[in-house]
Amino acid sequence: MHLRTTKRARQEVMLYDPIGADREGNEISLMDILSSDGDEVLESVVLNMDRNQLAEKFHCLSKRERMVLELRFGLGHQERHTQRQIGRILGISRSYVSRIEKRALGKLLNEMGPLS
């Protein structure tokens, strides 16, 4: 009898207990909600750390290399551009933009050190 009384009054919620249903009628648990938010937060933190680490390594690049990478990949709140568009902006050929990009990425990769 005591167990039945305490069961009704308990304030504990198990992570895998159903708390509702989605639009298709599938049960949703608290763990489903927490894990998706946690994954997004973790991805955001990792992305910010990667961006900061990359920004620290930009010192090894020339001004032109930096500009090409910023334009090409939309870094520093820039819009992403094609190699052809960058060539027009800088007054150089698309193939030269490609060589600059490749050289700059190689420098950054070398600067970042061995991947583990």
N, C-alpha and C. Protein backbone atom coordinates (compact mmCIF):
# COMPACT_ATOMS: atom_id res chain seq x y z
N MET A 1 0.81 -1.19 0.00
CA MET A 1 0.00 0.00 0.00
C MET A 1 0.86 1.26 0.00
N HIS A 2 1.92 1.23 0.79
CA HIS A 2 2.81 2.38 0.86
C HIS A 2 3.45 2.67 -0.51
N LEU A 3 3.79 1.63 -1.26
CA LEU A 3 4.40 1.82 -2.58
C LEU A 3 3.45 2.51 -3.54
N ARG A 4 2.18 2.14 -3.51
CA ARG A 4 1.21 2.78 -4.39
C ARG A 4 1.06 4.26 -4.06
N THR A 5 1.04 4.59 -2.81
CA THR A 5 0.89 5.98 -2.39
C THR A 5 2.09 6.81 -2.82
N THR A 6 3.29 6.30 -2.62
CA THR A 6 4.49 7.07 -2.98
C THR A 6 4.65 7.17 -4.50
N LYS A 7 4.16 6.17 -5.24
CA LYS A 7 4.28 6.21 -6.69
C LYS A 7 3.50 7.39 -7.27
N ARG A 8 2.31 7.63 -6.76
CA ARG A 8 1.49 8.75 -7.24
C ARG A 8 2.10 10.10 -6.89
N ALA A 9 2.79 10.18 -5.78
CA ALA A 9 3.31 11.45 -5.30
C ALA A 9 4.73 11.76 -5.77
N ARG A 10 5.36 10.81 -6.43
CA ARG A 10 6.76 11.04 -6.79
C ARG A 10 6.89 12.18 -7.81
N GLN A 11 7.96 12.92 -7.71
CA GLN A 11 8.21 14.06 -8.58
C GLN A 11 9.31 13.76 -9.58
N GLU A 12 9.77 12.53 -9.64
CA GLU A 12 10.85 12.15 -10.53
C GLU A 12 10.32 11.90 -11.93
N VAL A 13 11.13 12.29 -12.91
CA VAL A 13 10.80 12.02 -14.30
C VAL A 13 11.98 11.26 -14.87
N MET A 14 11.72 10.13 -15.48
CA MET A 14 12.78 9.36 -16.10
C MET A 14 13.04 9.91 -17.50
N LEU A 15 14.28 9.88 -17.93
CA LEU A 15 14.64 10.44 -19.23
C LEU A 15 13.96 9.73 -20.39
N TYR A 16 13.69 8.45 -20.24
CA TYR A 16 13.11 7.69 -21.35
C TYR A 16 11.60 7.49 -21.21
N ASP A 17 10.98 8.08 -20.20
CA ASP A 17 9.52 8.01 -20.07
C ASP A 17 8.89 8.88 -21.15
N PRO A 18 7.80 8.42 -21.76
CA PRO A 18 7.14 9.25 -22.78
C PRO A 18 6.54 10.52 -22.16
N ILE A 19 6.73 11.64 -22.86
CA ILE A 19 6.18 12.91 -22.36
C ILE A 19 5.18 13.51 -23.34
N GLY A 20 5.01 12.86 -24.47
CA GLY A 20 4.07 13.36 -25.47
C GLY A 20 4.26 12.62 -26.77
N ALA A 21 3.67 13.17 -27.82
CA ALA A 21 3.77 12.55 -29.13
C ALA A 21 4.01 13.63 -30.18
N ASP A 22 4.70 13.25 -31.26
CA ASP A 22 4.92 14.19 -32.36
C ASP A 22 3.72 14.16 -33.31
N ARG A 23 3.82 14.86 -34.41
CA ARG A 23 2.70 14.97 -35.35
C ARG A 23 2.30 13.64 -35.97
N GLU A 24 3.26 12.72 -36.10
CA GLU A 24 2.95 11.40 -36.67
C GLU A 24 2.46 10.42 -35.63
N GLY A 25 2.40 10.82 -34.38
CA GLY A 25 1.92 9.95 -33.32
C GLY A 25 3.02 9.16 -32.63
N ASN A 26 4.28 9.40 -32.97
CA ASN A 26 5.39 8.71 -32.30
C ASN A 26 5.61 9.31 -30.93
N GLU A 27 5.89 8.45 -29.96
CA GLU A 27 6.13 8.93 -28.61
C GLU A 27 7.44 9.71 -28.55
N ILE A 28 7.42 10.79 -27.78
CA ILE A 28 8.62 11.60 -27.57
C ILE A 28 9.00 11.50 -26.10
N SER A 29 10.28 11.22 -25.85
CA SER A 29 10.76 11.17 -24.47
C SER A 29 11.57 12.44 -24.19
N LEU A 30 11.83 12.69 -22.94
CA LEU A 30 12.64 13.84 -22.55
C LEU A 30 14.04 13.72 -23.14
N MET A 31 14.55 12.51 -23.23
CA MET A 31 15.88 12.28 -23.79
C MET A 31 15.94 12.70 -25.26
N ASP A 32 14.86 12.48 -26.01
CA ASP A 32 14.83 12.90 -27.42
C ASP A 32 15.01 14.41 -27.53
N ILE A 33 14.36 15.13 -26.69
CA ILE A 33 14.43 16.60 -26.72
C ILE A 33 15.81 17.08 -26.26
N LEU A 34 16.30 16.52 -25.17
CA LEU A 34 17.59 16.95 -24.63
C LEU A 34 18.74 16.60 -25.57
N SER A 35 18.71 15.44 -26.15
CA SER A 35 19.83 15.02 -26.99
C SER A 35 19.92 15.86 -28.26
N SER A 36 18.81 16.23 -28.85
CA SER A 36 18.89 17.03 -30.07
C SER A 36 19.42 18.42 -29.76
N ASP A 37 18.98 19.03 -28.67
CA ASP A 37 19.49 20.35 -28.30
C ASP A 37 20.96 20.26 -27.92
N GLY A 38 21.33 19.22 -27.20
CA GLY A 38 22.71 19.04 -26.79
C GLY A 38 23.63 18.88 -27.97
N ASP A 39 23.18 18.14 -28.98
CA ASP A 39 23.99 17.96 -30.17
C ASP A 39 24.22 19.28 -30.89
N GLU A 40 23.20 20.09 -30.99
CA GLU A 40 23.32 21.38 -31.65
C GLU A 40 24.27 22.30 -30.87
N VAL A 41 24.17 22.28 -29.56
CA VAL A 41 25.05 23.11 -28.74
C VAL A 41 26.49 22.64 -28.88
N LEU A 42 26.70 21.34 -28.84
CA LEU A 42 28.05 20.79 -28.98
C LEU A 42 28.63 21.14 -30.35
N GLU A 43 27.85 20.98 -31.40
CA GLU A 43 28.32 21.32 -32.74
C GLU A 43 28.67 22.81 -32.84
N SER A 44 27.87 23.65 -32.22
CA SER A 44 28.12 25.09 -32.24
C SER A 44 29.42 25.43 -31.51
N VAL A 45 29.65 24.80 -30.38
CA VAL A 45 30.87 25.05 -29.60
C VAL A 45 32.10 24.58 -30.39
N VAL A 46 32.02 23.39 -30.97
CA VAL A 46 33.14 22.87 -31.75
C VAL A 46 33.42 23.76 -32.96
N LEU A 47 32.36 24.21 -33.62
CA LEU A 47 32.53 25.10 -34.78
C LEU A 47 33.22 26.40 -34.37
N ASN A 48 32.81 26.98 -33.26
CA ASN A 48 33.44 28.22 -32.78
C ASN A 48 34.91 28.00 -32.43
N MET A 49 35.21 26.86 -31.80
CA MET A 49 36.60 26.55 -31.47
C MET A 49 37.44 26.39 -32.73
N ASP A 50 36.88 25.70 -33.74
CA ASP A 50 37.59 25.53 -35.00
C ASP A 50 37.82 26.86 -35.68
N ARG A 51 36.81 27.72 -35.68
CA ARG A 51 36.96 29.05 -36.29
C ARG A 51 38.05 29.86 -35.60
N ASN A 52 38.06 29.82 -34.26
CA ASN A 52 39.07 30.57 -33.52
C ASN A 52 40.46 30.04 -33.80
N GLN A 53 40.60 28.71 -33.84
CA GLN A 53 41.90 28.11 -34.12
C GLN A 53 42.37 28.48 -35.52
N LEU A 54 41.45 28.45 -36.47
CA LEU A 54 41.79 28.82 -37.85
C LEU A 54 42.20 30.29 -37.94
N ALA A 55 41.46 31.16 -37.26
CA ALA A 55 41.77 32.60 -37.28
C ALA A 55 43.16 32.87 -36.71
N GLU A 56 43.56 32.11 -35.70
CA GLU A 56 44.89 32.28 -35.11
C GLU A 56 45.99 31.91 -36.11
N LYS A 57 45.70 31.01 -37.01
CA LYS A 57 46.71 30.52 -37.96
C LYS A 57 46.80 31.38 -39.22
N PHE A 58 45.92 32.33 -39.39
CA PHE A 58 45.91 33.16 -40.60
C PHE A 58 47.14 34.05 -40.71
N HIS A 59 47.93 34.18 -39.65
CA HIS A 59 49.12 35.04 -39.68
C HIS A 59 50.15 34.55 -40.69
N CYS A 60 50.10 33.26 -41.05
CA CYS A 60 51.10 32.70 -41.97
C CYS A 60 50.77 33.02 -43.43
N LEU A 61 49.63 33.61 -43.70
CA LEU A 61 49.19 33.88 -45.06
C LEU A 61 49.51 35.31 -45.48
N SER A 62 49.74 35.50 -46.78
CA SER A 62 49.90 36.86 -47.31
C SER A 62 48.52 37.52 -47.38
N LYS A 63 48.50 38.82 -47.61
CA LYS A 63 47.23 39.55 -47.72
C LYS A 63 46.36 38.97 -48.82
N ARG A 64 46.96 38.69 -49.96
CA ARG A 64 46.22 38.18 -51.11
C ARG A 64 45.66 36.78 -50.81
N GLU A 65 46.46 35.93 -50.18
CA GLU A 65 45.98 34.59 -49.82
C GLU A 65 44.81 34.67 -48.85
N ARG A 66 44.95 35.56 -47.87
CA ARG A 66 43.87 35.74 -46.91
C ARG A 66 42.59 36.20 -47.60
N MET A 67 42.73 37.17 -48.50
CA MET A 67 41.57 37.71 -49.21
C MET A 67 40.90 36.63 -50.06
N VAL A 68 41.70 35.84 -50.76
CA VAL A 68 41.14 34.78 -51.60
C VAL A 68 40.35 33.78 -50.74
N LEU A 69 40.92 33.36 -49.62
CA LEU A 69 40.20 32.41 -48.76
C LEU A 69 38.95 33.02 -48.14
N GLU A 70 39.03 34.28 -47.74
CA GLU A 70 37.86 34.94 -47.17
C GLU A 70 36.73 35.03 -48.19
N LEU A 71 37.07 35.40 -49.41
CA LEU A 71 36.05 35.51 -50.45
C LEU A 71 35.54 34.13 -50.87
N ARG A 72 36.44 33.19 -50.99
CA ARG A 72 36.07 31.86 -51.48
C ARG A 72 35.15 31.12 -50.52
N PHE A 73 35.44 31.21 -49.22
CA PHE A 73 34.70 30.43 -48.22
C PHE A 73 33.77 31.27 -47.36
N GLY A 74 33.64 32.56 -47.66
CA GLY A 74 32.71 33.40 -46.91
C GLY A 74 33.13 33.65 -45.48
N LEU A 75 34.43 33.76 -45.25
CA LEU A 75 34.93 34.00 -43.89
C LEU A 75 34.79 35.47 -43.54
N GLY A 76 34.69 35.77 -42.27
CA GLY A 76 34.60 37.16 -41.83
C GLY A 76 33.36 37.87 -42.33
N HIS A 77 32.25 37.18 -42.35
CA HIS A 77 30.96 37.73 -42.78
C HIS A 77 30.95 38.14 -44.25
N GLN A 78 31.81 37.55 -45.05
CA GLN A 78 31.84 37.80 -46.49
C GLN A 78 30.85 36.85 -47.16
N GLU A 79 30.42 37.22 -48.35
CA GLU A 79 29.61 36.32 -49.17
C GLU A 79 30.57 35.36 -49.89
N ARG A 80 30.16 34.11 -50.08
CA ARG A 80 30.99 33.14 -50.79
C ARG A 80 31.01 33.47 -52.28
N HIS A 81 32.18 33.37 -52.89
CA HIS A 81 32.35 33.66 -54.31
C HIS A 81 32.98 32.48 -55.02
N THR A 82 32.75 32.39 -56.32
CA THR A 82 33.42 31.39 -57.13
C THR A 82 34.83 31.88 -57.45
N GLN A 83 35.66 30.97 -57.93
CA GLN A 83 37.02 31.37 -58.32
C GLN A 83 36.98 32.40 -59.45
N ARG A 84 36.04 32.24 -60.36
CA ARG A 84 35.91 33.18 -61.47
C ARG A 84 35.55 34.58 -60.95
N GLN A 85 34.62 34.66 -59.99
CA GLN A 85 34.24 35.96 -59.42
C GLN A 85 35.41 36.61 -58.69
N ILE A 86 36.17 35.80 -57.95
CA ILE A 86 37.34 36.33 -57.23
C ILE A 86 38.37 36.84 -58.22
N GLY A 87 38.55 36.10 -59.31
CA GLY A 87 39.48 36.54 -60.36
C GLY A 87 39.10 37.90 -60.92
N ARG A 88 37.81 38.11 -61.14
CA ARG A 88 37.35 39.42 -61.64
C ARG A 88 37.60 40.52 -60.61
N ILE A 89 37.32 40.22 -59.34
CA ILE A 89 37.52 41.21 -58.27
C ILE A 89 38.99 41.61 -58.17
N LEU A 90 39.89 40.62 -58.22
CA LEU A 90 41.32 40.89 -58.04
C LEU A 90 42.05 41.19 -59.35
N GLY A 91 41.35 41.02 -60.48
CA GLY A 91 41.98 41.29 -61.77
C GLY A 91 42.99 40.22 -62.17
N ILE A 92 42.73 38.97 -61.79
CA ILE A 92 43.63 37.86 -62.14
C ILE A 92 42.80 36.73 -62.73
N SER A 93 43.46 35.74 -63.30
CA SER A 93 42.73 34.63 -63.92
C SER A 93 42.17 33.67 -62.88
N ARG A 94 41.17 32.90 -63.28
CA ARG A 94 40.57 31.91 -62.41
C ARG A 94 41.60 30.85 -62.00
N SER A 95 42.45 30.46 -62.93
CA SER A 95 43.45 29.44 -62.62
C SER A 95 44.47 29.96 -61.60
N TYR A 96 44.78 31.26 -61.66
CA TYR A 96 45.70 31.83 -60.67
C TYR A 96 45.04 31.88 -59.29
N VAL A 97 43.74 32.18 -59.27
CA VAL A 97 42.99 32.14 -58.00
C VAL A 97 43.06 30.73 -57.43
N SER A 98 42.89 29.73 -58.28
CA SER A 98 42.95 28.34 -57.85
C SER A 98 44.31 28.01 -57.23
N ARG A 99 45.39 28.48 -57.86
CA ARG A 99 46.74 28.21 -57.34
C ARG A 99 46.96 28.91 -56.00
N ILE A 100 46.48 30.16 -55.89
CA ILE A 100 46.60 30.90 -54.63
C ILE A 100 45.83 30.17 -53.52
N GLU A 101 44.61 29.76 -53.84
CA GLU A 101 43.78 29.05 -52.88
C GLU A 101 44.46 27.76 -52.41
N LYS A 102 44.98 26.99 -53.34
CA LYS A 102 45.64 25.73 -53.01
C LYS A 102 46.87 25.97 -52.13
N ARG A 103 47.68 26.97 -52.48
CA ARG A 103 48.87 27.29 -51.70
C ARG A 103 48.49 27.75 -50.29
N ALA A 104 47.46 28.60 -50.18
CA ALA A 104 47.03 29.11 -48.87
C ALA A 104 46.49 27.98 -47.99
N LEU A 105 45.70 27.09 -48.58
CA LEU A 105 45.17 25.96 -47.81
C LEU A 105 46.30 25.04 -47.35
N GLY A 106 47.30 24.86 -48.21
CA GLY A 106 48.47 24.05 -47.82
C GLY A 106 49.21 24.66 -46.65
N LYS A 107 49.38 26.00 -46.69
CA LYS A 107 50.05 26.68 -45.58
C LYS A 107 49.26 26.51 -44.28
N LEU A 108 47.93 26.69 -44.36
CA LEU A 108 47.10 26.54 -43.16
C LEU A 108 47.16 25.11 -42.62
N LEU A 109 47.11 24.14 -43.53
CA LEU A 109 47.18 22.75 -43.10
C LEU A 109 48.50 22.47 -42.41
N ASN A 110 49.57 22.99 -42.97
CA ASN A 110 50.89 22.81 -42.38
C ASN A 110 50.98 23.50 -41.01
N GLU A 111 50.37 24.68 -40.91
CA GLU A 111 50.39 25.45 -39.67
C GLU A 111 49.56 24.78 -38.57
N MET A 112 48.48 24.11 -38.98
CA MET A 112 47.60 23.45 -38.01
C MET A 112 48.27 22.22 -37.40
N GLY A 113 49.27 21.67 -38.07
CA GLY A 113 49.99 20.53 -37.55
C GLY A 113 49.30 19.23 -37.90
N PRO A 114 49.87 18.14 -37.41
CA PRO A 114 49.31 16.81 -37.73
C PRO A 114 47.92 16.64 -37.13
N LEU A 115 47.04 16.04 -37.91
CA LEU A 115 45.68 15.76 -37.43
C LEU A 115 45.70 14.46 -36.64
N SER A 116 45.00 14.45 -35.54
CA SER A 116 44.96 13.22 -34.74
C SER A 116 43.63 12.57 -34.76
